[in-house]
């Protein structure tokens, strides 16, 4: 039986899924930024999708959910992300 993928953020594992991350994952997935399983957890696939979005929109590349990222995603979708 394979081990579950290791996550980047052990603190997030302790506090559980984040509604903000879940919303970001849904938008990134909907707009073709990767094969993301919306889980509310910041995993490797989500970080990679965020980095791709950040590069394409001339944002500082962090791979993390930030206020600037959420604002840009909202502008792209035409609706609030959170």
PDB file of N, CA and C in Angstrom:
ATOM      1  N   UNK A   1       0.848  -1.184   0.000  1.00  0.00           N
ATOM      2  CA  UNK A   1       0.000   0.000   0.000  1.00  0.00           C
ATOM      3  C   UNK A   1       0.885   1.236   0.000  1.00  0.00           C
ATOM      4  N   UNK A   2       0.739   2.118  -1.007  1.00  0.00           N
ATOM      5  CA  UNK A   2       1.611   3.296  -1.081  1.00  0.00           C
ATOM      6  C   UNK A   2       1.310   4.284   0.050  1.00  0.00           C
ATOM      7  N   UNK A   3       2.357   4.998   0.418  1.00  0.00           N
ATOM      8  CA  UNK A   3       2.198   6.039   1.432  1.00  0.00           C
ATOM      9  C   UNK A   3       1.493   7.239   0.821  1.00  0.00           C
ATOM     10  N   UNK A   4       0.727   7.972   1.621  1.00  0.00           N
ATOM     11  CA  UNK A   4       0.096   9.191   1.090  1.00  0.00           C
ATOM     12  C   UNK A   4       1.166  10.219   0.755  1.00  0.00           C
ATOM     13  N   UNK A   5       0.896  11.117  -0.208  1.00  0.00           N
ATOM     14  CA  UNK A   5       1.896  12.121  -0.565  1.00  0.00           C
ATOM     15  C   UNK A   5       2.210  13.017   0.633  1.00  0.00           C
ATOM     16  N   UNK A   6       3.447  13.397   0.711  1.00  0.00           N
ATOM     17  CA  UNK A   6       3.873  14.272   1.808  1.00  0.00           C
ATOM     18  C   UNK A   6       3.466  15.707   1.487  1.00  0.00           C
ATOM     19  N   UNK A   7       2.943  16.383   2.451  1.00  0.00           N
ATOM     20  CA  UNK A   7       2.504  17.771   2.249  1.00  0.00           C
ATOM     21  C   UNK A   7       3.613  18.723   2.653  1.00  0.00           C
ATOM     22  N   UNK A   8       3.508  19.946   2.121  1.00  0.00           N
ATOM     23  CA  UNK A   8       4.512  20.969   2.381  1.00  0.00           C
ATOM     24  C   UNK A   8       4.353  21.640   3.725  1.00  0.00           C
ATOM     25  N   UNK A   9       3.177  21.573   4.305  1.00  0.00           N
ATOM     26  CA  UNK A   9       2.883  22.401   5.465  1.00  0.00           C
ATOM     27  C   UNK A   9       2.330  21.571   6.619  1.00  0.00           C
ATOM     28  N   UNK A  10       3.206  21.153   7.548  1.00  0.00           N
ATOM     29  CA  UNK A  10       2.723  20.324   8.660  1.00  0.00           C
ATOM     30  C   UNK A  10       1.735  21.044   9.569  1.00  0.00           C
ATOM     31  N   UNK A  11       1.827  22.349   9.676  1.00  0.00           N
ATOM     32  CA  UNK A  11       0.880  23.106  10.502  1.00  0.00           C
ATOM     33  C   UNK A  11      -0.517  23.033   9.879  1.00  0.00           C
ATOM     34  N   UNK A  12      -0.591  23.179   8.558  1.00  0.00           N
ATOM     35  CA  UNK A  12      -1.893  23.077   7.878  1.00  0.00           C
ATOM     36  C   UNK A  12      -2.496  21.693   8.092  1.00  0.00           C
ATOM     37  N   UNK A  13      -1.646  20.670   8.126  1.00  0.00           N
ATOM     38  CA  UNK A  13      -2.145  19.325   8.387  1.00  0.00           C
ATOM     39  C   UNK A  13      -2.813  19.245   9.751  1.00  0.00           C
ATOM     40  N   UNK A  14      -2.289  19.975  10.705  1.00  0.00           N
ATOM     41  CA  UNK A  14      -2.842  19.949  12.056  1.00  0.00           C
ATOM     42  C   UNK A  14      -4.159  20.706  12.160  1.00  0.00           C
ATOM     43  N   UNK A  15      -4.279  21.804  11.426  1.00  0.00           N
ATOM     44  CA  UNK A  15      -5.487  22.625  11.559  1.00  0.00           C
ATOM     45  C   UNK A  15      -6.583  22.238  10.569  1.00  0.00           C
ATOM     46  N   UNK A  16      -6.254  21.412   9.587  1.00  0.00           N
ATOM     47  CA  UNK A  16      -7.264  20.915   8.664  1.00  0.00           C
ATOM     48  C   UNK A  16      -7.400  21.756   7.410  1.00  0.00           C
ATOM     49  N   UNK A  17      -8.357  21.386   6.555  1.00  0.00           N
ATOM     50  CA  UNK A  17      -8.536  22.068   5.274  1.00  0.00           C
ATOM     51  C   UNK A  17      -8.907  23.539   5.443  1.00  0.00           C
ATOM     52  N   UNK A  18      -8.414  24.341   4.521  1.00  0.00           N
ATOM     53  CA  UNK A  18      -8.689  25.778   4.518  1.00  0.00           C
ATOM     54  C   UNK A  18      -9.708  26.109   3.430  1.00  0.00           C
ATOM     55  N   UNK A  19     -10.792  26.793   3.793  1.00  0.00           N
ATOM     56  CA  UNK A  19     -11.769  27.207   2.772  1.00  0.00           C
ATOM     57  C   UNK A  19     -11.134  28.117   1.718  1.00  0.00           C
ATOM     58  N   UNK A  20     -10.165  28.936   2.127  1.00  0.00           N
ATOM     59  CA  UNK A  20      -9.501  29.849   1.186  1.00  0.00           C
ATOM     60  C   UNK A  20      -8.694  29.047   0.158  1.00  0.00           C
ATOM     61  N   UNK A  21      -7.945  28.068   0.631  1.00  0.00           N
ATOM     62  CA  UNK A  21      -7.159  27.239  -0.288  1.00  0.00           C
ATOM     63  C   UNK A  21      -8.095  26.446  -1.191  1.00  0.00           C
ATOM     64  N   UNK A  22      -9.179  25.941  -0.656  1.00  0.00           N
ATOM     65  CA  UNK A  22     -10.160  25.200  -1.452  1.00  0.00           C
ATOM     66  C   UNK A  22     -10.706  26.074  -2.581  1.00  0.00           C
ATOM     67  N   UNK A  23     -11.035  27.317  -2.281  1.00  0.00           N
ATOM     68  CA  UNK A  23     -11.556  28.236  -3.301  1.00  0.00           C
ATOM     69  C   UNK A  23     -10.502  28.502  -4.376  1.00  0.00           C
ATOM     70  N   UNK A  24      -9.258  28.712  -3.968  1.00  0.00           N
ATOM     71  CA  UNK A  24      -8.161  28.941  -4.917  1.00  0.00           C
ATOM     72  C   UNK A  24      -7.973  27.700  -5.795  1.00  0.00           C
ATOM     73  N   UNK A  25      -7.998  26.522  -5.197  1.00  0.00           N
ATOM     74  CA  UNK A  25      -7.838  25.291  -5.963  1.00  0.00           C
ATOM     75  C   UNK A  25      -8.937  25.150  -7.012  1.00  0.00           C
ATOM     76  N   UNK A  26     -10.153  25.455  -6.646  1.00  0.00           N
ATOM     77  CA  UNK A  26     -11.273  25.325  -7.596  1.00  0.00           C
ATOM     78  C   UNK A  26     -11.089  26.260  -8.797  1.00  0.00           C
ATOM     79  N   UNK A  27     -10.685  27.506  -8.528  1.00  0.00           N
ATOM     80  CA  UNK A  27     -10.492  28.459  -9.631  1.00  0.00           C
ATOM     81  C   UNK A  27      -9.328  28.023 -10.510  1.00  0.00           C
ATOM     82  N   UNK A  28      -8.201  27.659  -9.900  1.00  0.00           N
ATOM     83  CA  UNK A  28      -7.047  27.239 -10.692  1.00  0.00           C
ATOM     84  C   UNK A  28      -7.383  26.025 -11.548  1.00  0.00           C
ATOM     85  N   UNK A  29      -8.111  25.084 -10.990  1.00  0.00           N
ATOM     86  CA  UNK A  29      -8.505  23.891 -11.732  1.00  0.00           C
ATOM     87  C   UNK A  29      -9.462  24.245 -12.869  1.00  0.00           C
ATOM     88  N   UNK A  30     -10.437  25.082 -12.563  1.00  0.00           N
ATOM     89  CA  UNK A  30     -11.441  25.497 -13.553  1.00  0.00           C
ATOM     90  C   UNK A  30     -10.801  26.196 -14.754  1.00  0.00           C
ATOM     91  N   UNK A  31      -9.713  26.946 -14.505  1.00  0.00           N
ATOM     92  CA  UNK A  31      -9.072  27.709 -15.569  1.00  0.00           C
ATOM     93  C   UNK A  31      -7.833  27.005 -16.136  1.00  0.00           C
ATOM     94  N   UNK A  32      -7.697  25.705 -15.858  1.00  0.00           N
ATOM     95  CA  UNK A  32      -6.672  24.909 -16.515  1.00  0.00           C
ATOM     96  C   UNK A  32      -5.253  25.071 -16.006  1.00  0.00           C
ATOM     97  N   UNK A  33      -5.083  25.387 -14.746  1.00  0.00           N
ATOM     98  CA  UNK A  33      -3.735  25.567 -14.207  1.00  0.00           C
ATOM     99  C   UNK A  33      -3.172  24.302 -13.570  1.00  0.00           C
ATOM    100  N   UNK A  34      -3.753  23.167 -13.837  1.00  0.00           N
ATOM    101  CA  UNK A  34      -3.187  21.925 -13.338  1.00  0.00           C
ATOM    102  C   UNK A  34      -4.263  20.930 -12.954  1.00  0.00           C
ATOM    103  N   UNK A  35      -3.819  19.707 -12.739  1.00  0.00           N
ATOM    104  CA  UNK A  35      -4.699  18.632 -12.295  1.00  0.00           C
ATOM    105  C   UNK A  35      -4.753  18.696 -10.770  1.00  0.00           C
ATOM    106  N   UNK A  36      -5.630  19.533 -10.258  1.00  0.00           N
ATOM    107  CA  UNK A  36      -5.705  19.769  -8.820  1.00  0.00           C
ATOM    108  C   UNK A  36      -6.941  19.084  -8.260  1.00  0.00           C
ATOM    109  N   UNK A  37      -6.763  18.371  -7.183  1.00  0.00           N
ATOM    110  CA  UNK A  37      -7.895  17.794  -6.468  1.00  0.00           C
ATOM    111  C   UNK A  37      -8.229  18.771  -5.338  1.00  0.00           C
ATOM    112  N   UNK A  38      -9.329  19.524  -5.449  1.00  0.00           N
ATOM    113  CA  UNK A  38      -9.660  20.486  -4.396  1.00  0.00           C
ATOM    114  C   UNK A  38      -9.827  19.788  -3.042  1.00  0.00           C
ATOM    115  N   UNK A  39      -8.915  20.085  -2.132  1.00  0.00           N
ATOM    116  CA  UNK A  39      -8.895  19.432  -0.827  1.00  0.00           C
ATOM    117  C   UNK A  39      -8.844  20.432   0.330  1.00  0.00           C
ATOM    118  N   UNK A  40      -8.507  21.688  -0.004  1.00  0.00           N
ATOM    119  CA  UNK A  40      -8.326  22.674   1.056  1.00  0.00           C
ATOM    120  C   UNK A  40      -6.947  22.617   1.687  1.00  0.00           C
ATOM    121  N   UNK A  41      -6.089  21.743   1.164  1.00  0.00           N
ATOM    122  CA  UNK A  41      -4.729  21.599   1.678  1.00  0.00           C
ATOM    123  C   UNK A  41      -3.756  22.058   0.592  1.00  0.00           C
ATOM    124  N   UNK A  42      -2.720  22.778   0.988  1.00  0.00           N
ATOM    125  CA  UNK A  42      -1.722  23.254   0.036  1.00  0.00           C
ATOM    126  C   UNK A  42      -0.743  22.119  -0.248  1.00  0.00           C
ATOM    127  N   UNK A  43      -0.990  21.402  -1.356  1.00  0.00           N
ATOM    128  CA  UNK A  43      -0.133  20.281  -1.726  1.00  0.00           C
ATOM    129  C   UNK A  43       0.789  20.697  -2.877  1.00  0.00           C
ATOM    130  N   UNK A  44       1.613  19.752  -3.337  1.00  0.00           N
ATOM    131  CA  UNK A  44       2.572  20.068  -4.400  1.00  0.00           C
ATOM    132  C   UNK A  44       1.886  20.500  -5.694  1.00  0.00           C
ATOM    133  N   UNK A  45       0.796  19.836  -6.061  1.00  0.00           N
ATOM    134  CA  UNK A  45       0.091  20.180  -7.301  1.00  0.00           C
ATOM    135  C   UNK A  45      -0.482  21.595  -7.218  1.00  0.00           C
ATOM    136  N   UNK A  46      -0.998  21.955  -6.053  1.00  0.00           N
ATOM    137  CA  UNK A  46      -1.552  23.304  -5.878  1.00  0.00           C
ATOM    138  C   UNK A  46      -0.447  24.344  -5.938  1.00  0.00           C
ATOM    139  N   UNK A  47       0.668  24.084  -5.266  1.00  0.00           N
ATOM    140  CA  UNK A  47       1.798  25.021  -5.300  1.00  0.00           C
ATOM    141  C   UNK A  47       2.293  25.222  -6.728  1.00  0.00           C
ATOM    142  N   UNK A  48       2.385  24.132  -7.498  1.00  0.00           N
ATOM    143  CA  UNK A  48       2.834  24.229  -8.887  1.00  0.00           C
ATOM    144  C   UNK A  48       1.850  25.052  -9.719  1.00  0.00           C
ATOM    145  N   UNK A  49       0.554  24.851  -9.499  1.00  0.00           N
ATOM    146  CA  UNK A  49      -0.465  25.613 -10.234  1.00  0.00           C
ATOM    147  C   UNK A  49      -0.398  27.093  -9.867  1.00  0.00           C
ATOM    148  N   UNK A  50      -0.194  27.376  -8.590  1.00  0.00           N
ATOM    149  CA  UNK A  50      -0.069  28.774  -8.154  1.00  0.00           C
ATOM    150  C   UNK A  50       1.151  29.412  -8.809  1.00  0.00           C
ATOM    151  N   UNK A  51       2.274  28.695  -8.821  1.00  0.00           N
ATOM    152  CA  UNK A  51       3.489  29.225  -9.446  1.00  0.00           C
ATOM    153  C   UNK A  51       3.266  29.513 -10.932  1.00  0.00           C
ATOM    154  N   UNK A  52       2.582  28.604 -11.622  1.00  0.00           N
ATOM    155  CA  UNK A  52       2.286  28.820 -13.048  1.00  0.00           C
ATOM    156  C   UNK A  52       1.430  30.076 -13.223  1.00  0.00           C
ATOM    157  N   UNK A  53       0.396  30.219 -12.407  1.00  0.00           N
ATOM    158  CA  UNK A  53      -0.466  31.406 -12.483  1.00  0.00           C
ATOM    159  C   UNK A  53       0.347  32.666 -12.188  1.00  0.00           C
ATOM    160  N   UNK A  54       1.182  32.614 -11.146  1.00  0.00           N
ATOM    161  CA  UNK A  54       1.983  33.785 -10.770  1.00  0.00           C
ATOM    162  C   UNK A  54       2.911  34.204 -11.911  1.00  0.00           C
ATOM    163  N   UNK A  55       3.558  33.238 -12.550  1.00  0.00           N
ATOM    164  CA  UNK A  55       4.451  33.563 -13.674  1.00  0.00           C
ATOM    165  C   UNK A  55       3.686  34.216 -14.816  1.00  0.00           C
ATOM    166  N   UNK A  56       2.536  33.627 -15.160  1.00  0.00           N
ATOM    167  CA  UNK A  56       1.753  34.133 -16.292  1.00  0.00           C
ATOM    168  C   UNK A  56       1.158  35.516 -16.029  1.00  0.00           C
ATOM    169  N   UNK A  57       1.017  35.887 -14.759  1.00  0.00           N
ATOM    170  CA  UNK A  57       0.415  37.175 -14.426  1.00  0.00           C
ATOM    171  C   UNK A  57       1.416  38.138 -13.790  1.00  0.00           C
ATOM    172  N   UNK A  58       2.692  37.860 -14.007  1.00  0.00           N
ATOM    173  CA  UNK A  58       3.775  38.731 -13.539  1.00  0.00           C
ATOM    174  C   UNK A  58       3.702  39.054 -12.059  1.00  0.00           C
ATOM    175  N   UNK A  59       3.366  38.045 -11.263  1.00  0.00           N
ATOM    176  CA  UNK A  59       3.348  38.184  -9.806  1.00  0.00           C
ATOM    177  C   UNK A  59       4.634  37.567  -9.256  1.00  0.00           C
ATOM    178  N   UNK A  60       5.054  37.982  -8.066  1.00  0.00           N
ATOM    179  CA  UNK A  60       6.195  37.296  -7.445  1.00  0.00           C
ATOM    180  C   UNK A  60       5.857  35.813  -7.280  1.00  0.00           C
ATOM    181  N   UNK A  61       6.763  34.940  -7.693  1.00  0.00           N
ATOM    182  CA  UNK A  61       6.503  33.502  -7.671  1.00  0.00           C
ATOM    183  C   UNK A  61       6.819  32.938  -6.288  1.00  0.00           C
ATOM    184  N   UNK A  62       5.760  32.490  -5.614  1.00  0.00           N
ATOM    185  CA  UNK A  62       5.923  31.953  -4.260  1.00  0.00           C
ATOM    186  C   UNK A  62       5.342  30.552  -4.112  1.00  0.00           C
ATOM    187  N   UNK A  63       4.337  30.234  -4.929  1.00  0.00           N
ATOM    188  CA  UNK A  63       3.666  28.948  -4.787  1.00  0.00           C
ATOM    189  C   UNK A  63       2.755  28.883  -3.569  1.00  0.00           C
ATOM    190  N   UNK A  64       2.493  30.010  -2.972  1.00  0.00           N
ATOM    191  CA  UNK A  64       1.655  30.089  -1.772  1.00  0.00           C
ATOM    192  C   UNK A  64       0.423  30.950  -2.042  1.00  0.00           C
ATOM    193  N   UNK A  65      -0.593  30.754  -1.231  1.00  0.00           N
ATOM    194  CA  UNK A  65      -1.806  31.565  -1.333  1.00  0.00           C
ATOM    195  C   UNK A  65      -1.531  32.903  -0.646  1.00  0.00           C
ATOM    196  N   UNK A  66      -1.731  33.984  -1.392  1.00  0.00           N
ATOM    197  CA  UNK A  66      -1.520  35.331  -0.857  1.00  0.00           C
ATOM    198  C   UNK A  66      -2.715  36.202  -1.212  1.00  0.00           C
ATOM    199  N   UNK A  67      -2.799  37.344  -0.565  1.00  0.00           N
ATOM    200  CA  UNK A  67      -3.878  38.288  -0.868  1.00  0.00           C
ATOM    201  C   UNK A  67      -3.803  38.735  -2.325  1.00  0.00           C
ATOM    202  N   UNK A  68      -2.593  38.955  -2.824  1.00  0.00           N
ATOM    203  CA  UNK A  68      -2.409  39.386  -4.214  1.00  0.00           C
ATOM    204  C   UNK A  68      -2.892  38.297  -5.183  1.00  0.00           C
ATOM    205  N   UNK A  69      -2.586  37.043  -4.874  1.00  0.00           N
ATOM    206  CA  UNK A  69      -3.042  35.927  -5.705  1.00  0.00           C
ATOM    207  C   UNK A  69      -4.564  35.875  -5.729  1.00  0.00           C
ATOM    208  N   UNK A  70      -5.184  35.950  -4.571  1.00  0.00           N
ATOM    209  CA  UNK A  70      -6.644  35.874  -4.474  1.00  0.00           C
ATOM    210  C   UNK A  70      -7.288  37.024  -5.246  1.00  0.00           C
ATOM    211  N   UNK A  71      -6.699  38.214  -5.158  1.00  0.00           N
ATOM    212  CA  UNK A  71      -7.211  39.380  -5.885  1.00  0.00           C
ATOM    213  C   UNK A  71      -7.134  39.154  -7.397  1.00  0.00           C
ATOM    214  N   UNK A  72      -5.977  38.651  -7.865  1.00  0.00           N
ATOM    215  CA  UNK A  72      -5.812  38.403  -9.300  1.00  0.00           C
ATOM    216  C   UNK A  72      -6.758  37.305  -9.792  1.00  0.00           C
ATOM    217  N   UNK A  73      -6.928  36.265  -9.009  1.00  0.00           N
ATOM    218  CA  UNK A  73      -7.868  35.202  -9.399  1.00  0.00           C
ATOM    219  C   UNK A  73      -9.285  35.749  -9.487  1.00  0.00           C
ATOM    220  N   UNK A  74      -9.648  36.607  -8.548  1.00  0.00           N
ATOM    221  CA  UNK A  74     -10.966  37.232  -8.570  1.00  0.00           C
ATOM    222  C   UNK A  74     -11.170  38.099  -9.797  1.00  0.00           C
ATOM    223  N   UNK A  75     -10.110  38.837 -10.177  1.00  0.00           N
ATOM    224  CA  UNK A  75     -10.196  39.683 -11.360  1.00  0.00           C
ATOM    225  C   UNK A  75     -10.354  38.823 -12.616  1.00  0.00           C
ATOM    226  N   UNK A  76      -9.671  37.677 -12.644  1.00  0.00           N
ATOM    227  CA  UNK A  76      -9.746  36.782 -13.798  1.00  0.00           C
ATOM    228  C   UNK A  76     -11.138  36.166 -13.931  1.00  0.00           C
ATOM    229  N   UNK A  77     -11.739  35.781 -12.798  1.00  0.00           N
ATOM    230  CA  UNK A  77     -13.046  35.119 -12.836  1.00  0.00           C
ATOM    231  C   UNK A  77     -14.204  36.095 -12.879  1.00  0.00           C
ATOM    232  N   UNK A  78     -13.966  37.319 -12.423  1.00  0.00           N
ATOM    233  CA  UNK A  78     -15.043  38.304 -12.363  1.00  0.00           C
ATOM    234  C   UNK A  78     -15.938  38.129 -11.150  1.00  0.00           C
ATOM    235  N   UNK A  79     -15.450  37.334 -10.183  1.00  0.00           N
ATOM    236  CA  UNK A  79     -16.229  37.129  -8.947  1.00  0.00           C
ATOM    237  C   UNK A  79     -15.257  36.936  -7.784  1.00  0.00           C
ATOM    238  N   UNK A  80     -15.695  37.206  -6.580  1.00  0.00           N
ATOM    239  CA  UNK A  80     -14.814  37.000  -5.424  1.00  0.00           C
ATOM    240  C   UNK A  80     -14.434  35.525  -5.295  1.00  0.00           C
ATOM    241  N   UNK A  81     -13.206  35.289  -4.890  1.00  0.00           N
ATOM    242  CA  UNK A  81     -12.707  33.918  -4.777  1.00  0.00           C
ATOM    243  C   UNK A  81     -13.047  33.332  -3.414  1.00  0.00           C
ATOM    244  N   UNK A  82     -13.139  34.156  -2.407  1.00  0.00           N
ATOM    245  CA  UNK A  82     -13.339  33.601  -1.069  1.00  0.00           C
ATOM    246  C   UNK A  82     -14.784  33.526  -0.680  1.00  0.00           C
TER     247      UNK A  82
END
